[in-house]
Amino acid sequence: MNVPARSCSLCSGPDAFFSGPVKSHGGEYVVLYCDKCRVGETFPDPDDALLHELHSTEYYRNGEGARFIRPVEWIIEGMRRWRIHRLSKIVTQGRALDVGCGSGRFLRGLRSSGWNVAGLELNDETAAAARKAHGLAVETSLDVFDDGSFDLITITHVLEHLRNPRQVLKRCAGLLRGGGIMAVAVPNIDSWQARLSREDWFHLDLPRHLWHFSEKWLLRELTALGFTIIKVRRLDFAHNIFGWMQSLLNVMGYHHNRLYNFLSSDDFDRGDEPRAVSLILSVALAPLLLPLSVVLTMLEAALHSGGTVEIIARADSEVCPEQSLNDMA
């Protein structure tokens, strides 16, 4: 695959090769990395039709809104409740917006805890499940919301899917009341996981992930928008331990993300013998890789290089500063 010399889409600085090529969904993709921005960018840019397919409800979830087999969904539900508990210690109940709300189960939990909630999805198709299953108000554009109308905005592993991440962050900053909280979680391209496994990194997810952010980039962007950083979480046991485990299996040469795909609710081998063998070996090796994955997760978090990062920040005012974000890159 020939990759032409390119400039960073965020700061116009020179891009360097990071990983790839990766064959996925009928195409071949690489990740280019900007040392100035500390951001990776997927190349070539997938078209809108492919992105629509990759984010459709049929691809992501079954008819009940579940994404994984039932035991995994139980674990994820426990994680949702713990996250609501954590956030409730930082911000009092009020109005909350979840950007990329998916099935709506996180919003359902917030509502049960006394919050007035709203969600955002890519289009009416992806919003329909949350509207129907939980009776949630899910919109498809941030422009329908009034400035200064939310006390909490969450963007959890969504920013990397968006074509316009900076604009979304800036608009969300304007939607917060003074003192409101924004919680943003992304995979961290500067993590040990990413640096050691490269194109085999579980969280790379090409071409669905258009961007590959770092902790430093996200801190800089939120600070430029007038936020005060109140907490940086680099230790997410579910995302980071499994991220190590699946990345190590990928590096060992088994079918890419085979264990993860098995845990997804719609994945079947359908008589594919090589994939079945790869699954058996992945399941057999997973318990052996678990202790190593735990140790690596703890070490990378302690050294500020977690496989994923969540930044929780407080809006100092209801007015978003007009300073150019390009000047902060």
Protein backbone atom coordinates (compact mmCIF):
# COMPACT_ATOMS: atom_id res chain seq x y z
CA MET A 1 0.00 0.00 0.00
CA ASN A 2 1.47 3.33 -1.09
CA VAL A 3 0.92 6.13 1.43
CA PRO A 4 1.54 9.63 0.05
CA ALA A 5 3.18 12.32 2.16
CA ARG A 6 0.42 13.96 4.16
CA SER A 7 -0.10 16.82 6.57
CA CYS A 8 -1.99 16.52 9.83
CA SER A 9 -5.67 17.44 9.43
CA LEU A 10 -5.64 19.20 12.82
CA CYS A 11 -2.46 21.29 12.76
CA SER A 12 -1.06 20.89 9.18
CA GLY A 13 2.18 19.50 10.57
CA PRO A 14 3.86 16.47 8.95
CA ASP A 15 2.31 13.05 9.60
CA ALA A 16 4.45 9.97 10.21
CA PHE A 17 3.57 6.30 9.75
CA PHE A 18 2.33 4.61 12.95
CA SER A 19 0.82 1.25 12.02
CA GLY A 20 -0.66 -0.86 9.26
CA PRO A 21 -1.61 -1.71 6.71
CA VAL A 22 -4.74 -3.38 8.09
CA LYS A 23 -7.22 -5.08 5.77
CA SER A 24 -10.75 -4.51 6.99
CA HIS A 25 -14.23 -4.35 5.45
CA GLY A 26 -13.02 -4.50 1.89
CA GLY A 27 -10.30 -1.87 2.26
CA GLU A 28 -6.74 -1.40 3.44
CA TYR A 29 -5.94 1.21 6.07
CA VAL A 30 -3.00 2.67 7.95
CA VAL A 31 -2.68 5.03 10.91
CA LEU A 32 -0.62 8.19 10.47
CA TYR A 33 0.63 9.96 13.61
CA CYS A 34 1.36 13.64 14.23
CA ASP A 35 4.13 14.21 16.79
CA LYS A 36 2.99 17.80 17.29
CA CYS A 37 -0.67 17.02 18.00
CA ARG A 38 -0.04 13.57 19.50
CA VAL A 39 -2.95 12.25 17.43
CA GLY A 40 -3.26 9.44 14.92
CA GLU A 41 -5.49 9.61 11.83
CA THR A 42 -6.91 6.74 9.79
CA PHE A 43 -5.94 6.77 6.10
CA PRO A 44 -7.63 6.56 3.68
CA ASP A 45 -10.74 8.17 5.06
CA PRO A 46 -13.68 5.71 4.80
CA ASP A 47 -16.72 7.00 2.96
CA ASP A 48 -20.03 7.84 4.63
CA ALA A 49 -21.81 4.74 3.31
CA LEU A 50 -19.29 2.40 4.96
CA LEU A 51 -19.36 4.33 8.22
CA HIS A 52 -23.16 4.18 8.23
CA GLU A 53 -23.01 0.41 7.80
CA LEU A 54 -20.39 -0.02 10.53
CA HIS A 55 -22.44 1.99 13.02
CA SER A 56 -25.83 0.50 12.15
CA THR A 57 -27.91 -1.15 14.85
CA GLU A 58 -27.70 -4.47 12.97
CA TYR A 59 -23.90 -4.40 13.12
CA TYR A 60 -23.54 -3.26 16.71
CA ARG A 61 -26.42 -4.82 18.65
CA ASN A 62 -29.09 -7.49 18.58
CA GLY A 63 -32.82 -6.78 18.62
CA GLU A 64 -32.82 -6.30 22.41
CA GLY A 65 -30.09 -3.66 22.32
CA ALA A 66 -27.43 -6.03 23.67
CA ARG A 67 -23.96 -5.98 22.16
CA PHE A 68 -22.42 -9.00 23.89
CA ILE A 69 -23.39 -12.39 25.24
CA ARG A 70 -25.33 -12.24 28.48
CA PRO A 71 -22.53 -12.80 31.06
CA VAL A 72 -20.52 -9.98 29.49
CA GLU A 73 -23.60 -7.72 29.49
CA TRP A 74 -23.95 -8.36 33.24
CA ILE A 75 -20.38 -7.19 33.79
CA ILE A 76 -20.95 -4.11 31.63
CA GLU A 77 -24.11 -3.25 33.55
CA GLY A 78 -22.11 -3.36 36.77
CA MET A 79 -19.55 -1.02 35.20
CA ARG A 80 -22.32 1.40 34.22
CA ARG A 81 -23.63 1.51 37.77
CA TRP A 82 -20.15 2.07 39.16
CA ARG A 83 -19.56 4.91 36.71
CA ILE A 84 -22.83 6.58 37.71
CA HIS A 85 -21.76 6.26 41.34
CA ARG A 86 -18.37 7.87 40.58
CA LEU A 87 -19.85 10.76 38.65
CA SER A 88 -22.50 11.38 41.30
CA LYS A 89 -19.70 12.13 43.74
CA ILE A 90 -18.44 14.90 41.47
CA VAL A 91 -21.61 16.57 40.23
CA THR A 92 -25.03 16.84 41.84
CA GLN A 93 -28.13 15.58 40.07
CA GLY A 94 -29.45 17.76 37.29
CA ARG A 95 -29.66 17.42 33.52
CA ALA A 96 -27.30 15.05 31.70
CA LEU A 97 -26.44 14.45 28.03
CA ASP A 98 -24.76 11.27 26.78
CA VAL A 99 -23.14 11.82 23.39
CA GLY A 100 -23.25 8.52 21.50
CA CYS A 101 -25.74 6.96 23.90
CA GLY A 102 -26.09 3.67 21.96
CA SER A 103 -28.64 1.36 23.56
CA GLY A 104 -29.50 4.02 26.15
CA ARG A 105 -28.74 1.81 29.14
CA PHE A 106 -26.32 4.27 30.71
CA LEU A 107 -28.93 7.03 30.40
CA ARG A 108 -31.54 4.69 31.86
CA GLY A 109 -29.29 4.22 34.88
CA LEU A 110 -28.79 7.96 35.27
CA ARG A 111 -32.54 8.53 35.06
CA SER A 112 -33.13 5.90 37.75
CA SER A 113 -30.68 7.84 39.94
CA GLY A 114 -32.74 10.99 39.64
CA TRP A 115 -31.23 12.70 36.60
CA ASN A 116 -33.14 14.41 33.80
CA VAL A 117 -31.51 12.85 30.75
CA ALA A 118 -31.09 13.26 26.98
CA GLY A 119 -29.03 11.39 24.42
CA LEU A 120 -27.37 11.98 21.07
CA GLU A 121 -26.94 9.48 18.25
CA LEU A 122 -25.71 9.57 14.66
CA ASN A 123 -29.13 9.28 13.02
CA ASP A 124 -32.74 8.25 13.64
CA GLU A 125 -31.96 4.62 12.91
CA THR A 126 -29.40 4.32 15.70
CA ALA A 127 -31.49 6.49 18.03
CA ALA A 128 -34.62 4.38 17.58
CA ALA A 129 -33.55 1.55 19.90
CA ALA A 130 -33.00 3.81 22.91
CA ARG A 131 -36.19 5.73 22.23
CA LYS A 132 -38.28 2.57 21.93
CA ALA A 133 -36.71 0.44 24.66
CA HIS A 134 -36.36 3.06 27.38
CA GLY A 135 -38.54 6.00 26.35
CA LEU A 136 -35.54 8.29 26.17
CA ALA A 137 -35.27 11.64 24.41
CA VAL A 138 -32.53 10.92 21.87
CA GLU A 139 -31.66 13.59 19.29
CA THR A 140 -29.44 13.46 16.22
CA SER A 141 -27.94 16.96 16.39
CA LEU A 142 -26.36 19.00 19.18
CA ASP A 143 -27.95 22.13 17.70
CA VAL A 144 -31.38 21.27 19.14
CA PHE A 145 -30.12 21.85 22.69
CA ASP A 146 -29.93 25.27 24.35
CA ASP A 147 -26.64 26.73 25.51
CA GLY A 148 -25.93 26.27 29.19
CA SER A 149 -28.63 23.63 29.62
CA PHE A 150 -26.68 20.64 31.01
CA ASP A 151 -24.92 19.86 34.28
CA LEU A 152 -23.18 16.76 32.95
CA ILE A 153 -22.07 15.66 29.47
CA THR A 154 -20.47 12.25 28.87
CA ILE A 155 -18.60 11.24 25.71
CA THR A 156 -17.48 7.65 26.24
CA HIS A 157 -15.41 6.03 23.48
CA VAL A 158 -17.28 8.06 20.88
CA LEU A 159 -14.98 10.95 19.96
CA GLU A 160 -12.70 8.70 17.88
CA HIS A 161 -15.68 7.78 15.65
CA LEU A 162 -16.53 11.37 14.68
CA ARG A 163 -15.33 13.33 11.66
CA ASN A 164 -15.40 16.60 13.60
CA PRO A 165 -14.17 15.87 17.16
CA ARG A 166 -12.99 19.40 17.89
CA GLN A 167 -16.30 20.95 16.87
CA VAL A 168 -18.19 18.44 19.01
CA LEU A 169 -16.06 19.22 22.07
CA LYS A 170 -16.51 22.96 21.54
CA ARG A 171 -20.29 22.67 21.10
CA CYS A 172 -20.58 20.49 24.19
CA ALA A 173 -18.58 23.05 26.17
CA GLY A 174 -21.19 25.64 25.23
CA LEU A 175 -24.03 23.34 26.34
CA LEU A 176 -22.72 23.09 29.90
CA ARG A 177 -23.81 25.38 32.70
CA GLY A 178 -21.10 27.13 34.67
CA GLY A 179 -19.55 24.53 36.94
CA GLY A 180 -20.89 21.70 34.78
CA ILE A 181 -18.90 18.53 34.24
CA MET A 182 -17.67 16.91 31.04
CA ALA A 183 -16.36 13.33 31.14
CA VAL A 184 -14.53 12.17 27.99
CA ALA A 185 -13.04 8.69 27.55
CA VAL A 186 -10.94 7.56 24.55
CA PRO A 187 -8.39 4.88 23.63
CA ASN A 188 -4.87 6.24 24.18
CA ILE A 189 -2.54 5.95 21.19
CA ASP A 190 0.42 6.89 23.40
CA SER A 191 -0.21 3.87 25.64
CA TRP A 192 2.06 0.86 26.02
CA GLN A 193 -0.67 -1.26 24.43
CA ALA A 194 -0.72 0.83 21.28
CA ARG A 195 3.05 1.27 21.02
CA LEU A 196 3.86 -2.41 21.52
CA SER A 197 1.11 -4.00 19.42
CA ARG A 198 0.74 -1.35 16.66
CA GLU A 199 -1.61 -2.71 13.98
CA ASP A 200 -2.57 -5.56 16.34
CA TRP A 201 -3.80 -3.15 19.02
CA PHE A 202 -7.32 -4.12 20.04
CA HIS A 203 -8.52 -0.51 20.38
CA LEU A 204 -7.32 0.50 16.90
CA ASP A 205 -10.60 -0.69 15.34
CA LEU A 206 -10.03 0.37 11.72
CA PRO A 207 -11.75 1.89 9.85
CA ARG A 208 -14.48 2.61 12.42
CA HIS A 209 -12.10 4.75 14.47
CA LEU A 210 -11.23 7.76 12.35
CA TRP A 211 -8.99 9.29 15.04
CA HIS A 212 -6.59 7.87 17.61
CA PHE A 213 -6.18 10.33 20.47
CA SER A 214 -3.66 10.68 23.26
CA GLU A 215 -4.05 11.89 26.82
CA LYS A 216 -1.92 14.95 26.10
CA TRP A 217 -4.08 15.98 23.13
CA LEU A 218 -7.32 15.66 25.08
CA LEU A 219 -5.96 17.55 28.08
CA ARG A 220 -4.78 20.36 25.80
CA GLU A 221 -8.11 20.60 23.98
CA LEU A 222 -10.22 20.71 27.13
CA THR A 223 -7.93 23.28 28.74
CA ALA A 224 -8.14 25.45 25.61
CA LEU A 225 -11.93 25.34 25.88
CA GLY A 226 -11.80 26.83 29.37
CA PHE A 227 -12.14 23.64 31.41
CA THR A 228 -10.43 22.90 34.69
CA ILE A 229 -9.17 19.32 34.79
CA ILE A 230 -10.32 17.66 38.01
CA LYS A 231 -9.47 14.00 37.39
CA VAL A 232 -7.59 11.82 34.92
CA ARG A 233 -8.41 8.08 35.06
CA ARG A 234 -5.91 5.78 33.37
CA LEU A 235 -6.97 2.56 35.09
CA ASP A 236 -10.06 1.05 33.49
CA PHE A 237 -9.91 -2.62 34.38
CA ALA A 238 -12.44 -3.84 31.82
CA HIS A 239 -11.20 -1.90 28.80
CA ASN A 240 -7.50 -2.07 29.61
CA ILE A 241 -7.12 -5.64 30.86
CA PHE A 242 -9.12 -7.04 27.98
CA GLY A 243 -7.31 -4.65 25.63
CA TRP A 244 -4.00 -6.22 26.64
CA MET A 245 -5.34 -9.75 26.43
CA GLN A 246 -6.84 -9.37 22.96
CA SER A 247 -3.86 -7.37 21.67
CA LEU A 248 -1.46 -10.10 22.82
CA LEU A 249 -3.56 -12.75 21.12
CA ASN A 250 -3.54 -10.65 17.94
CA VAL A 251 0.26 -10.30 18.10
CA MET A 252 0.53 -14.09 18.48
CA GLY A 253 -1.11 -14.45 15.07
CA TYR A 254 -4.61 -15.64 15.85
CA HIS A 255 -7.56 -14.30 13.84
CA HIS A 256 -7.80 -10.59 14.58
CA ASN A 257 -9.95 -9.83 17.66
CA ARG A 258 -11.30 -13.40 17.57
CA LEU A 259 -12.04 -13.61 21.30
CA TYR A 260 -13.81 -10.24 21.27
CA ASN A 261 -15.90 -11.21 18.25
CA PHE A 262 -16.94 -14.41 20.00
CA LEU A 263 -18.13 -12.41 23.00
CA SER A 264 -20.19 -10.21 20.68
CA SER A 265 -23.79 -11.32 20.56
CA ASP A 266 -23.99 -11.77 16.79
CA ASP A 267 -20.74 -13.61 16.03
CA PHE A 268 -20.84 -17.21 14.78
CA ASP A 269 -18.28 -19.34 12.94
CA ARG A 270 -20.82 -20.86 10.53
CA GLY A 271 -18.53 -23.80 9.65
CA ASP A 272 -15.38 -21.70 9.23
CA GLU A 273 -12.81 -24.19 10.53
CA PRO A 274 -9.76 -21.85 10.76
CA ARG A 275 -11.77 -19.31 12.75
CA ALA A 276 -13.13 -22.08 14.98
CA VAL A 277 -9.61 -23.33 15.74
CA SER A 278 -8.46 -19.76 16.39
CA LEU A 279 -11.35 -19.30 18.80
CA ILE A 280 -10.57 -22.50 20.71
CA LEU A 281 -6.93 -21.49 21.09
CA SER A 282 -7.86 -17.93 22.10
CA VAL A 283 -10.26 -19.15 24.78
CA ALA A 284 -7.65 -21.64 26.04
CA LEU A 285 -4.91 -18.99 26.23
CA ALA A 286 -7.04 -16.22 27.75
CA PRO A 287 -6.78 -17.47 31.38
CA LEU A 288 -3.01 -17.79 30.97
CA LEU A 289 -2.71 -14.24 29.60
CA LEU A 290 -4.99 -12.73 32.25
CA PRO A 291 -2.35 -12.35 35.04
CA LEU A 292 0.13 -10.76 32.62
CA SER A 293 -2.59 -8.44 31.30
CA VAL A 294 -3.45 -7.33 34.85
CA VAL A 295 0.21 -6.56 35.64
CA LEU A 296 0.71 -4.64 32.38
CA THR A 297 -2.51 -2.69 32.99
CA MET A 298 -1.36 -1.63 36.46
CA LEU A 299 2.13 -0.70 35.25
CA GLU A 300 1.05 1.38 32.28
CA ALA A 301 -1.53 3.23 34.38
CA ALA A 302 1.06 3.98 37.08
CA LEU A 303 3.36 5.39 34.40
CA HIS A 304 0.58 7.55 32.87
CA SER A 305 0.31 5.40 29.74
CA GLY A 306 -3.02 3.63 30.21
CA GLY A 307 -4.56 1.87 27.22
CA THR A 308 -7.61 4.09 27.63
CA VAL A 309 -7.97 7.40 29.43
CA GLU A 310 -10.96 9.25 30.89
CA ILE A 311 -10.67 12.95 31.66
CA ILE A 312 -13.22 14.63 33.91
CA ALA A 313 -13.26 18.41 33.65
CA ARG A 314 -15.29 21.30 35.04
CA ALA A 315 -16.53 24.22 32.93
CA ASP A 316 -15.36 27.47 34.48
CA SER A 317 -18.15 29.45 32.78
CA GLU A 318 -21.08 29.01 30.42
CA VAL A 319 -19.30 30.89 27.65
CA CYS A 320 -16.90 28.94 25.45
CA PRO A 321 -13.70 30.95 24.79
CA GLU A 322 -13.13 32.08 21.24
CA GLN A 323 -9.43 31.26 21.25
CA SER A 324 -8.51 29.23 18.17
CA LEU A 325 -7.86 25.60 19.02
CA ASN A 326 -5.38 25.46 16.15
CA ASP A 327 -3.19 27.84 18.14
CA MET A 328 -3.04 25.28 20.94
CA ALA A 329 -2.06 22.30 18.76
